[in-house]
Amino acid sequence: MGLSKTEVFTDKENRIADLAKAFAHPARVAILRLLAQKKACVCGDLVDELPLSQATVSQHLKELKRIGIIQGSIEPPRVCYCINQAVWEEAEEAFGAVFGLLVKTGCC
């Protein structure tokens, strides 16, 4: 398998791509939507709200946490999750900057 060549892109481009991964799967979008709507830490409720197994939800939470867009607090035996406001704002700014580059023309 070939290299992804991420090293030929800027840190900012790589970070935007990493943040985009948070929204690259409908389950992660649903998790983010639920966390944003609740505006609080959510523990076991996510599995009850989604048509996914505990293991699948856990895998998506792990990816979202790796990216940094959510954070978790461990209160044994539970882990509670919420939106990381700073990273959420970073994503909002990054995507807005990229989408703002388009100059509307009559092309195509």
PDB file of N, CA and C in Angstrom:
ATOM      1  N   MET A   1       0.842  -1.172   0.000  1.00  0.00           N
ATOM      2  CA  MET A   1       0.000   0.000   0.000  1.00  0.00           C
ATOM      3  C   MET A   1       0.889   1.237   0.000  1.00  0.00           C
ATOM      4  N   GLY A   2       0.534   2.245  -0.787  1.00  0.00           N
ATOM      5  CA  GLY A   2       1.334   3.456  -0.923  1.00  0.00           C
ATOM      6  C   GLY A   2       1.227   4.365   0.283  1.00  0.00           C
ATOM      7  N   LEU A   3       2.147   5.304   0.344  1.00  0.00           N
ATOM      8  CA  LEU A   3       2.135   6.284   1.412  1.00  0.00           C
ATOM      9  C   LEU A   3       1.047   7.311   1.166  1.00  0.00           C
ATOM     10  N   SER A   4       0.548   7.919   2.215  1.00  0.00           N
ATOM     11  CA  SER A   4      -0.506   8.917   2.063  1.00  0.00           C
ATOM     12  C   SER A   4       0.067  10.282   1.690  1.00  0.00           C
ATOM     13  N   LYS A   5       1.368  10.442   1.844  1.00  0.00           N
ATOM     14  CA  LYS A   5       2.072  11.681   1.495  1.00  0.00           C
ATOM     15  C   LYS A   5       1.547  12.898   2.256  1.00  0.00           C
ATOM     16  N   THR A   6       1.050  12.694   3.454  1.00  0.00           N
ATOM     17  CA  THR A   6       0.560  13.825   4.241  1.00  0.00           C
ATOM     18  C   THR A   6       1.674  14.809   4.563  1.00  0.00           C
ATOM     19  N   GLU A   7       2.915  14.327   4.545  1.00  0.00           N
ATOM     20  CA  GLU A   7       4.042  15.202   4.877  1.00  0.00           C
ATOM     21  C   GLU A   7       4.281  16.280   3.821  1.00  0.00           C
ATOM     22  N   VAL A   8       3.715  16.136   2.629  1.00  0.00           N
ATOM     23  CA  VAL A   8       3.914  17.151   1.591  1.00  0.00           C
ATOM     24  C   VAL A   8       2.916  18.298   1.723  1.00  0.00           C
ATOM     25  N   PHE A   9       1.994  18.185   2.673  1.00  0.00           N
ATOM     26  CA  PHE A   9       1.005  19.233   2.905  1.00  0.00           C
ATOM     27  C   PHE A   9       1.334  19.972   4.197  1.00  0.00           C
ATOM     28  N   THR A  10       0.782  21.165   4.330  1.00  0.00           N
ATOM     29  CA  THR A  10       1.060  21.974   5.516  1.00  0.00           C
ATOM     30  C   THR A  10       0.393  21.359   6.746  1.00  0.00           C
ATOM     31  N   ASP A  11       0.879  21.765   7.911  1.00  0.00           N
ATOM     32  CA  ASP A  11       0.258  21.308   9.164  1.00  0.00           C
ATOM     33  C   ASP A  11      -1.211  21.716   9.196  1.00  0.00           C
ATOM     34  N   LYS A  12      -1.507  22.912   8.701  1.00  0.00           N
ATOM     35  CA  LYS A  12      -2.881  23.403   8.705  1.00  0.00           C
ATOM     36  C   LYS A  12      -3.766  22.538   7.798  1.00  0.00           C
ATOM     37  N   GLU A  13      -3.274  22.191   6.612  1.00  0.00           N
ATOM     38  CA  GLU A  13      -4.043  21.331   5.706  1.00  0.00           C
ATOM     39  C   GLU A  13      -4.274  19.953   6.312  1.00  0.00           C
ATOM     40  N   ASN A  14      -3.259  19.418   6.956  1.00  0.00           N
ATOM     41  CA  ASN A  14      -3.408  18.116   7.613  1.00  0.00           C
ATOM     42  C   ASN A  14      -4.393  18.195   8.773  1.00  0.00           C
ATOM     43  N   ARG A  15      -4.374  19.287   9.516  1.00  0.00           N
ATOM     44  CA  ARG A  15      -5.303  19.435  10.642  1.00  0.00           C
ATOM     45  C   ARG A  15      -6.744  19.554  10.146  1.00  0.00           C
ATOM     46  N   ILE A  16      -6.964  20.320   9.083  1.00  0.00           N
ATOM     47  CA  ILE A  16      -8.310  20.447   8.529  1.00  0.00           C
ATOM     48  C   ILE A  16      -8.810  19.078   8.062  1.00  0.00           C
ATOM     49  N   ALA A  17      -7.942  18.312   7.420  1.00  0.00           N
ATOM     50  CA  ALA A  17      -8.314  16.966   6.973  1.00  0.00           C
ATOM     51  C   ALA A  17      -8.647  16.075   8.171  1.00  0.00           C
ATOM     52  N   ASP A  18      -7.877  16.203   9.244  1.00  0.00           N
ATOM     53  CA  ASP A  18      -8.135  15.408  10.444  1.00  0.00           C
ATOM     54  C   ASP A  18      -9.474  15.803  11.065  1.00  0.00           C
ATOM     55  N   LEU A  19      -9.753  17.110  11.132  1.00  0.00           N
ATOM     56  CA  LEU A  19     -11.039  17.560  11.661  1.00  0.00           C
ATOM     57  C   LEU A  19     -12.188  17.077  10.780  1.00  0.00           C
ATOM     58  N   ALA A  20     -11.961  17.047   9.469  1.00  0.00           N
ATOM     59  CA  ALA A  20     -13.006  16.579   8.550  1.00  0.00           C
ATOM     60  C   ALA A  20     -13.359  15.119   8.821  1.00  0.00           C
ATOM     61  N   LYS A  21     -12.403  14.353   9.322  1.00  0.00           N
ATOM     62  CA  LYS A  21     -12.670  12.951   9.645  1.00  0.00           C
ATOM     63  C   LYS A  21     -13.763  12.824  10.709  1.00  0.00           C
ATOM     64  N   ALA A  22     -13.879  13.833  11.560  1.00  0.00           N
ATOM     65  CA  ALA A  22     -14.921  13.802  12.586  1.00  0.00           C
ATOM     66  C   ALA A  22     -16.303  13.783  11.950  1.00  0.00           C
ATOM     67  N   PHE A  23     -16.426  14.378  10.773  1.00  0.00           N
ATOM     68  CA  PHE A  23     -17.711  14.472  10.093  1.00  0.00           C
ATOM     69  C   PHE A  23     -17.804  13.509   8.907  1.00  0.00           C
ATOM     70  N   ALA A  24     -16.847  12.597   8.804  1.00  0.00           N
ATOM     71  CA  ALA A  24     -16.761  11.723   7.637  1.00  0.00           C
ATOM     72  C   ALA A  24     -17.574  10.439   7.765  1.00  0.00           C
ATOM     73  N   HIS A  25     -18.283  10.274   8.849  1.00  0.00           N
ATOM     74  CA  HIS A  25     -19.118   9.084   9.022  1.00  0.00           C
ATOM     75  C   HIS A  25     -20.429   9.521   9.675  1.00  0.00           C
ATOM     76  N   PRO A  26     -21.559   9.043   9.166  1.00  0.00           N
ATOM     77  CA  PRO A  26     -22.837   9.484   9.735  1.00  0.00           C
ATOM     78  C   PRO A  26     -23.002   9.171  11.222  1.00  0.00           C
ATOM     79  N   ALA A  27     -22.382   8.121  11.711  1.00  0.00           N
ATOM     80  CA  ALA A  27     -22.481   7.815  13.145  1.00  0.00           C
ATOM     81  C   ALA A  27     -21.771   8.886  13.967  1.00  0.00           C
ATOM     82  N   ARG A  28     -20.628   9.350  13.486  1.00  0.00           N
ATOM     83  CA  ARG A  28     -19.910  10.400  14.217  1.00  0.00           C
ATOM     84  C   ARG A  28     -20.681  11.715  14.155  1.00  0.00           C
ATOM     85  N   VAL A  29     -21.303  11.992  13.018  1.00  0.00           N
ATOM     86  CA  VAL A  29     -22.140  13.197  12.908  1.00  0.00           C
ATOM     87  C   VAL A  29     -23.282  13.109  13.909  1.00  0.00           C
ATOM     88  N   ALA A  30     -23.907  11.953  14.008  1.00  0.00           N
ATOM     89  CA  ALA A  30     -25.013  11.765  14.957  1.00  0.00           C
ATOM     90  C   ALA A  30     -24.536  11.935  16.395  1.00  0.00           C
ATOM     91  N   ILE A  31     -23.382  11.384  16.719  1.00  0.00           N
ATOM     92  CA  ILE A  31     -22.821  11.523  18.069  1.00  0.00           C
ATOM     93  C   ILE A  31     -22.554  12.994  18.376  1.00  0.00           C
ATOM     94  N   LEU A  32     -21.930  13.706  17.447  1.00  0.00           N
ATOM     95  CA  LEU A  32     -21.634  15.127  17.659  1.00  0.00           C
ATOM     96  C   LEU A  32     -22.923  15.933  17.807  1.00  0.00           C
ATOM     97  N   ARG A  33     -23.920  15.609  16.991  1.00  0.00           N
ATOM     98  CA  ARG A  33     -25.203  16.306  17.071  1.00  0.00           C
ATOM     99  C   ARG A  33     -25.835  16.093  18.448  1.00  0.00           C
ATOM    100  N   LEU A  34     -25.824  14.855  18.916  1.00  0.00           N
ATOM    101  CA  LEU A  34     -26.404  14.556  20.233  1.00  0.00           C
ATOM    102  C   LEU A  34     -25.665  15.286  21.346  1.00  0.00           C
ATOM    103  N   LEU A  35     -24.341  15.262  21.292  1.00  0.00           N
ATOM    104  CA  LEU A  35     -23.555  15.945  22.330  1.00  0.00           C
ATOM    105  C   LEU A  35     -23.786  17.454  22.282  1.00  0.00           C
ATOM    106  N   ALA A  36     -23.869  18.013  21.083  1.00  0.00           N
ATOM    107  CA  ALA A  36     -24.094  19.453  20.953  1.00  0.00           C
ATOM    108  C   ALA A  36     -25.482  19.839  21.458  1.00  0.00           C
ATOM    109  N   GLN A  37     -26.482  19.019  21.180  1.00  0.00           N
ATOM    110  CA  GLN A  37     -27.845  19.307  21.625  1.00  0.00           C
ATOM    111  C   GLN A  37     -27.982  19.213  23.138  1.00  0.00           C
ATOM    112  N   LYS A  38     -27.300  18.251  23.742  1.00  0.00           N
ATOM    113  CA  LYS A  38     -27.415  18.044  25.186  1.00  0.00           C
ATOM    114  C   LYS A  38     -26.693  19.139  25.964  1.00  0.00           C
ATOM    115  N   LYS A  39     -25.637  19.695  25.366  1.00  0.00           N
ATOM    116  CA  LYS A  39     -24.841  20.749  25.998  1.00  0.00           C
ATOM    117  C   LYS A  39     -24.345  20.326  27.378  1.00  0.00           C
ATOM    118  N   ALA A  40     -24.090  19.038  27.524  1.00  0.00           N
ATOM    119  CA  ALA A  40     -23.605  18.503  28.788  1.00  0.00           C
ATOM    120  C   ALA A  40     -22.914  17.183  28.514  1.00  0.00           C
ATOM    121  N   CYS A  41     -22.265  16.670  29.524  1.00  0.00           N
ATOM    122  CA  CYS A  41     -21.617  15.373  29.375  1.00  0.00           C
ATOM    123  C   CYS A  41     -22.661  14.269  29.298  1.00  0.00           C
ATOM    124  N   VAL A  42     -22.397  13.335  28.411  1.00  0.00           N
ATOM    125  CA  VAL A  42     -23.318  12.222  28.192  1.00  0.00           C
ATOM    126  C   VAL A  42     -22.548  10.936  28.415  1.00  0.00           C
ATOM    127  N   CYS A  43     -23.123  10.047  29.167  1.00  0.00           N
ATOM    128  CA  CYS A  43     -22.455   8.768  29.443  1.00  0.00           C
ATOM    129  C   CYS A  43     -23.062   7.663  28.608  1.00  0.00           C
ATOM    130  N   GLY A  44     -23.850   6.811  29.181  1.00  0.00           N
ATOM    131  CA  GLY A  44     -24.398   5.660  28.484  1.00  0.00           C
ATOM    132  C   GLY A  44     -25.531   5.982  27.531  1.00  0.00           C
ATOM    133  N   ASP A  45     -26.029   7.205  27.559  1.00  0.00           N
ATOM    134  CA  ASP A  45     -27.178   7.578  26.743  1.00  0.00           C
ATOM    135  C   ASP A  45     -26.927   7.420  25.250  1.00  0.00           C
ATOM    136  N   LEU A  46     -25.698   7.551  24.811  1.00  0.00           N
ATOM    137  CA  LEU A  46     -25.408   7.497  23.382  1.00  0.00           C
ATOM    138  C   LEU A  46     -25.817   6.166  22.766  1.00  0.00           C
ATOM    139  N   VAL A  47     -25.547   5.085  23.449  1.00  0.00           N
ATOM    140  CA  VAL A  47     -25.894   3.770  22.922  1.00  0.00           C
ATOM    141  C   VAL A  47     -27.419   3.631  22.849  1.00  0.00           C
ATOM    142  N   ASP A  48     -28.127   4.210  23.805  1.00  0.00           N
ATOM    143  CA  ASP A  48     -29.588   4.146  23.794  1.00  0.00           C
ATOM    144  C   ASP A  48     -30.187   4.975  22.660  1.00  0.00           C
ATOM    145  N   GLU A  49     -29.491   6.025  22.261  1.00  0.00           N
ATOM    146  CA  GLU A  49     -30.003   6.957  21.252  1.00  0.00           C
ATOM    147  C   GLU A  49     -29.674   6.553  19.823  1.00  0.00           C
ATOM    148  N   LEU A  50     -28.671   5.706  19.642  1.00  0.00           N
ATOM    149  CA  LEU A  50     -28.204   5.351  18.305  1.00  0.00           C
ATOM    150  C   LEU A  50     -28.505   3.894  17.974  1.00  0.00           C
ATOM    151  N   PRO A  51     -28.742   3.598  16.697  1.00  0.00           N
ATOM    152  CA  PRO A  51     -29.021   2.218  16.301  1.00  0.00           C
ATOM    153  C   PRO A  51     -27.736   1.428  16.067  1.00  0.00           C
ATOM    154  N   LEU A  52     -26.818   1.543  17.026  1.00  0.00           N
ATOM    155  CA  LEU A  52     -25.503   0.911  16.910  1.00  0.00           C
ATOM    156  C   LEU A  52     -25.166   0.159  18.180  1.00  0.00           C
ATOM    157  N   SER A  53     -24.277  -0.802  18.060  1.00  0.00           N
ATOM    158  CA  SER A  53     -23.849  -1.561  19.238  1.00  0.00           C
ATOM    159  C   SER A  53     -22.924  -0.709  20.103  1.00  0.00           C
ATOM    160  N   GLN A  54     -22.766  -1.137  21.340  1.00  0.00           N
ATOM    161  CA  GLN A  54     -21.858  -0.455  22.270  1.00  0.00           C
ATOM    162  C   GLN A  54     -20.455  -0.406  21.692  1.00  0.00           C
ATOM    163  N   ALA A  55     -19.997  -1.503  21.107  1.00  0.00           N
ATOM    164  CA  ALA A  55     -18.646  -1.559  20.553  1.00  0.00           C
ATOM    165  C   ALA A  55     -18.470  -0.570  19.408  1.00  0.00           C
ATOM    166  N   THR A  56     -19.466  -0.439  18.552  1.00  0.00           N
ATOM    167  CA  THR A  56     -19.384   0.490  17.422  1.00  0.00           C
ATOM    168  C   THR A  56     -19.369   1.928  17.912  1.00  0.00           C
ATOM    169  N   VAL A  57     -20.240   2.247  18.852  1.00  0.00           N
ATOM    170  CA  VAL A  57     -20.264   3.599  19.422  1.00  0.00           C
ATOM    171  C   VAL A  57     -18.914   3.907  20.065  1.00  0.00           C
ATOM    172  N   SER A  58     -18.355   2.953  20.781  1.00  0.00           N
ATOM    173  CA  SER A  58     -17.057   3.148  21.435  1.00  0.00           C
ATOM    174  C   SER A  58     -15.958   3.444  20.427  1.00  0.00           C
ATOM    175  N   GLN A  59     -15.972   2.743  19.292  1.00  0.00           N
ATOM    176  CA  GLN A  59     -14.962   2.982  18.254  1.00  0.00           C
ATOM    177  C   GLN A  59     -15.079   4.396  17.696  1.00  0.00           C
ATOM    178  N   HIS A  60     -16.306   4.858  17.466  1.00  0.00           N
ATOM    179  CA  HIS A  60     -16.503   6.215  16.949  1.00  0.00           C
ATOM    180  C   HIS A  60     -16.107   7.257  17.995  1.00  0.00           C
ATOM    181  N   LEU A  61     -16.427   6.995  19.252  1.00  0.00           N
ATOM    182  CA  LEU A  61     -16.019   7.910  20.327  1.00  0.00           C
ATOM    183  C   LEU A  61     -14.493   7.987  20.413  1.00  0.00           C
ATOM    184  N   LYS A  62     -13.838   6.865  20.250  1.00  0.00           N
ATOM    185  CA  LYS A  62     -12.374   6.823  20.290  1.00  0.00           C
ATOM    186  C   LYS A  62     -11.785   7.703  19.188  1.00  0.00           C
ATOM    187  N   GLU A  63     -12.343   7.628  17.987  1.00  0.00           N
ATOM    188  CA  GLU A  63     -11.851   8.451  16.876  1.00  0.00           C
ATOM    189  C   GLU A  63     -12.126   9.930  17.129  1.00  0.00           C
ATOM    190  N   LEU A  64     -13.303  10.253  17.618  1.00  0.00           N
ATOM    191  CA  LEU A  64     -13.627  11.654  17.910  1.00  0.00           C
ATOM    192  C   LEU A  64     -12.731  12.207  19.007  1.00  0.00           C
ATOM    193  N   LYS A  65     -12.418  11.381  19.980  1.00  0.00           N
ATOM    194  CA  LYS A  65     -11.530  11.811  21.066  1.00  0.00           C
ATOM    195  C   LYS A  65     -10.099  11.976  20.551  1.00  0.00           C
ATOM    196  N   ARG A  66      -9.665  11.085  19.653  1.00  0.00           N
ATOM    197  CA  ARG A  66      -8.322  11.193  19.075  1.00  0.00           C
ATOM    198  C   ARG A  66      -8.161  12.522  18.333  1.00  0.00           C
ATOM    199  N   ILE A  67      -9.190  12.909  17.602  1.00  0.00           N
ATOM    200  CA  ILE A  67      -9.161  14.168  16.864  1.00  0.00           C
ATOM    201  C   ILE A  67      -9.209  15.350  17.829  1.00  0.00           C
ATOM    202  N   GLY A  68      -9.822  15.137  18.988  1.00  0.00           N
ATOM    203  CA  GLY A  68      -9.888  16.176  20.006  1.00  0.00           C
ATOM    204  C   GLY A  68     -11.194  16.938  20.043  1.00  0.00           C
ATOM    205  N   ILE A  69     -12.137  16.585  19.168  1.00  0.00           N
ATOM    206  CA  ILE A  69     -13.379  17.346  19.099  1.00  0.00           C
ATOM    207  C   ILE A  69     -14.338  17.014  20.246  1.00  0.00           C
ATOM    208  N   ILE A  70     -14.093  15.885  20.907  1.00  0.00           N
ATOM    209  CA  ILE A  70     -14.817  15.588  22.145  1.00  0.00           C
ATOM    210  C   ILE A  70     -13.789  15.304  23.234  1.00  0.00           C
ATOM    211  N   GLN A  71     -14.254  15.422  24.445  1.00  0.00           N
ATOM    212  CA  GLN A  71     -13.403  15.082  25.586  1.00  0.00           C
ATOM    213  C   GLN A  71     -14.220  14.228  26.535  1.00  0.00           C
ATOM    214  N   GLY A  72     -13.525  13.454  27.319  1.00  0.00           N
ATOM    215  CA  GLY A  72     -14.208  12.559  28.242  1.00  0.00           C
ATOM    216  C   GLY A  72     -13.654  12.678  29.637  1.00  0.00           C
ATOM    217  N   SER A  73     -14.538  12.497  30.593  1.00  0.00           N
ATOM    218  CA  SER A  73     -14.106  12.453  31.979  1.00  0.00           C
ATOM    219  C   SER A  73     -14.446  11.078  32.525  1.00  0.00           C
ATOM    220  N   ILE A  74     -13.494  10.490  33.193  1.00  0.00           N
ATOM    221  CA  ILE A  74     -13.679   9.145  33.714  1.00  0.00           C
ATOM    222  C   ILE A  74     -14.192   9.220  35.139  1.00  0.00           C
ATOM    223  N   GLU A  75     -15.380   8.680  35.325  1.00  0.00           N
ATOM    224  CA  GLU A  75     -15.991   8.573  36.644  1.00  0.00           C
ATOM    225  C   GLU A  75     -16.405   7.115  36.793  1.00  0.00           C
ATOM    226  N   PRO A  76     -15.446   6.262  37.196  1.00  0.00           N
ATOM    227  CA  PRO A  76     -15.712   4.823  37.208  1.00  0.00           C
ATOM    228  C   PRO A  76     -17.075   4.490  37.786  1.00  0.00           C
ATOM    229  N   PRO A  77     -17.791   3.595  37.149  1.00  0.00           N
ATOM    230  CA  PRO A  77     -17.411   2.791  35.984  1.00  0.00           C
ATOM    231  C   PRO A  77     -17.775   3.445  34.658  1.00  0.00           C
ATOM    232  N   ARG A  78     -18.075   4.738  34.649  1.00  0.00           N
ATOM    233  CA  ARG A  78     -18.534   5.396  33.429  1.00  0.00           C
ATOM    234  C   ARG A  78     -17.513   6.392  32.903  1.00  0.00           C
ATOM    235  N   VAL A  79     -17.610   6.651  31.609  1.00  0.00           N
ATOM    236  CA  VAL A  79     -16.867   7.741  30.984  1.00  0.00           C
ATOM    237  C   VAL A  79     -17.914   8.650  30.368  1.00  0.00           C
ATOM    238  N   CYS A  80     -17.854   9.914  30.711  1.00  0.00           N
ATOM    239  CA  CYS A  80     -18.818  10.881  30.194  1.00  0.00           C
ATOM    240  C   CYS A  80     -18.141  11.730  29.128  1.00  0.00           C
ATOM    241  N   TYR A  81     -18.870  12.024  28.056  1.00  0.00           N
ATOM    242  CA  TYR A  81     -18.318  12.765  26.925  1.00  0.00           C
ATOM    243  C   TYR A  81     -19.065  14.065  26.706  1.00  0.00           C
ATOM    244  N   CYS A  82     -18.320  15.064  26.202  1.00  0.00           N
ATOM    245  CA  CYS A  82     -18.922  16.328  25.796  1.00  0.00           C
ATOM    246  C   CYS A  82     -18.064  16.938  24.688  1.00  0.00           C
ATOM    247  N   ILE A  83     -18.624  17.931  24.021  1.00  0.00           N
ATOM    248  CA  ILE A  83     -17.916  18.639  22.958  1.00  0.00           C
ATOM    249  C   ILE A  83     -16.765  19.422  23.578  1.00  0.00           C
ATOM    250  N   ASN A  84     -15.603  19.372  22.944  1.00  0.00           N
ATOM    251  CA  ASN A  84     -14.474  20.216  23.330  1.00  0.00           C
ATOM    252  C   ASN A  84     -14.680  21.535  22.596  1.00  0.00           C
ATOM    253  N   GLN A  85     -15.132  22.540  23.306  1.00  0.00           N
ATOM    254  CA  GLN A  85     -15.528  23.818  22.713  1.00  0.00           C
ATOM    255  C   GLN A  85     -14.405  24.445  21.888  1.00  0.00           C
ATOM    256  N   ALA A  86     -13.175  24.377  22.355  1.00  0.00           N
ATOM    257  CA  ALA A  86     -12.054  24.994  21.637  1.00  0.00           C
ATOM    258  C   ALA A  86     -11.829  24.321  20.283  1.00  0.00           C
ATOM    259  N   VAL A  87     -11.900  23.001  20.245  1.00  0.00           N
ATOM    260  CA  VAL A  87     -11.686  22.285  18.981  1.00  0.00           C
ATOM    261  C   VAL A  87     -12.899  22.455  18.069  1.00  0.00           C
ATOM    262  N   TRP A  88     -14.101  22.510  18.637  1.00  0.00           N
ATOM    263  CA  TRP A  88     -15.306  22.758  17.850  1.00  0.00           C
ATOM    264  C   TRP A  88     -15.168  24.103  17.127  1.00  0.00           C
ATOM    265  N   GLU A  89     -14.723  25.126  17.848  1.00  0.00           N
ATOM    266  CA  GLU A  89     -14.529  26.456  17.256  1.00  0.00           C
ATOM    267  C   GLU A  89     -13.405  26.440  16.229  1.00  0.00           C
ATOM    268  N   GLU A  90     -12.359  25.656  16.486  1.00  0.00           N
ATOM    269  CA  GLU A  90     -11.273  25.504  15.523  1.00  0.00           C
ATOM    270  C   GLU A  90     -11.815  24.917  14.215  1.00  0.00           C
ATOM    271  N   ALA A  91     -12.642  23.885  14.310  1.00  0.00           N
ATOM    272  CA  ALA A  91     -13.226  23.257  13.117  1.00  0.00           C
ATOM    273  C   ALA A  91     -14.136  24.234  12.388  1.00  0.00           C
ATOM    274  N   GLU A  92     -14.948  24.946  13.136  1.00  0.00           N
ATOM    275  CA  GLU A  92     -15.858  25.924  12.537  1.00  0.00           C
ATOM    276  C   GLU A  92     -15.080  26.990  11.766  1.00  0.00           C
ATOM    277  N   GLU A  93     -14.004  27.478  12.364  1.00  0.00           N
ATOM    278  CA  GLU A  93     -13.164  28.491  11.718  1.00  0.00           C
ATOM    279  C   GLU A  93     -12.442  27.917  10.498  1.00  0.00           C
ATOM    280  N   ALA A  94     -11.888  26.723  10.645  1.00  0.00           N
ATOM    281  CA  ALA A  94     -11.130  26.102   9.551  1.00  0.00           C
ATOM    282  C   ALA A  94     -12.015  25.827   8.341  1.00  0.00           C
ATOM    283  N   PHE A  95     -13.190  25.238   8.573  1.00  0.00           N
ATOM    284  CA  PHE A  95     -14.095  24.939   7.460  1.00  0.00           C
ATOM    285  C   PHE A  95     -14.629  26.227   6.845  1.00  0.00           C
ATOM    286  N   GLY A  96     -14.921  27.207   7.683  1.00  0.00           N
ATOM    287  CA  GLY A  96     -15.405  28.494   7.175  1.00  0.00           C
ATOM    288  C   GLY A  96     -14.371  29.159   6.280  1.00  0.00           C
ATOM    289  N   ALA A  97     -13.100  29.057   6.662  1.00  0.00           N
ATOM    290  CA  ALA A  97     -12.036  29.654   5.859  1.00  0.00           C
ATOM    291  C   ALA A  97     -11.912  28.956   4.510  1.00  0.00           C
ATOM    292  N   VAL A  98     -12.005  27.632   4.515  1.00  0.00           N
ATOM    293  CA  VAL A  98     -11.912  26.886   3.258  1.00  0.00           C
ATOM    294  C   VAL A  98     -13.118  27.190   2.373  1.00  0.00           C
ATOM    295  N   PHE A  99     -14.322  27.132   2.952  1.00  0.00           N
ATOM    296  CA  PHE A  99     -15.529  27.380   2.163  1.00  0.00           C
ATOM    297  C   PHE A  99     -15.598  28.828   1.686  1.00  0.00           C
ATOM    298  N   GLY A 100     -14.982  29.724   2.442  1.00  0.00           N
ATOM    299  CA  GLY A 100     -14.984  31.133   2.070  1.00  0.00           C
ATOM    300  C   GLY A 100     -14.059  31.457   0.906  1.00  0.00           C
ATOM    301  N   LEU A 101     -13.228  30.509   0.501  1.00  0.00           N
ATOM    302  CA  LEU A 101     -12.301  30.756  -0.608  1.00  0.00           C
ATOM    303  C   LEU A 101     -12.993  30.818  -1.966  1.00  0.00           C
ATOM    304  N   LEU A 102     -14.144  30.183  -2.088  1.00  0.00           N
ATOM    305  CA  LEU A 102     -14.822  30.131  -3.361  1.00  0.00           C
ATOM    306  C   LEU A 102     -15.361  31.483  -3.752  1.00  0.00           C
ATOM    307  N   VAL A 103     -14.974  31.915  -4.923  1.00  0.00           N
ATOM    308  CA  VAL A 103     -15.531  33.148  -5.478  1.00  0.00           C
ATOM    309  C   VAL A 103     -16.585  32.700  -6.483  1.00  0.00           C
ATOM    310  N   LYS A 104     -17.799  33.106  -6.242  1.00  0.00           N
ATOM    311  CA  LYS A 104     -18.896  32.668  -7.103  1.00  0.00           C
ATOM    312  C   LYS A 104     -18.738  33.294  -8.486  1.00  0.00           C
ATOM    313  N   THR A 105     -18.754  32.434  -9.476  1.00  0.00           N
ATOM    314  CA  THR A 105     -18.650  32.888 -10.863  1.00  0.00           C
ATOM    315  C   THR A 105     -19.697  32.149 -11.685  1.00  0.00           C
ATOM    316  N   GLY A 106     -19.764  32.469 -12.939  1.00  0.00           N
ATOM    317  CA  GLY A 106     -20.688  31.795 -13.827  1.00  0.00           C
ATOM    318  C   GLY A 106     -20.088  30.531 -14.406  1.00  0.00           C
ATOM    319  N   CYS A 107     -18.970  30.089 -13.876  1.00  0.00           N
ATOM    320  CA  CYS A 107     -18.271  28.916 -14.390  1.00  0.00           C
ATOM    321  C   CYS A 107     -19.082  27.640 -14.143  1.00  0.00           C
ATOM    322  N   CYS A 108     -19.069  26.752 -15.124  1.00  0.00           N
ATOM    323  CA  CYS A 108     -19.740  25.451 -15.049  1.00  0.00           C
ATOM    324  C   CYS A 108     -21.204  25.608 -14.736  1.00  0.00           C
TER     325      CYS A 108
END
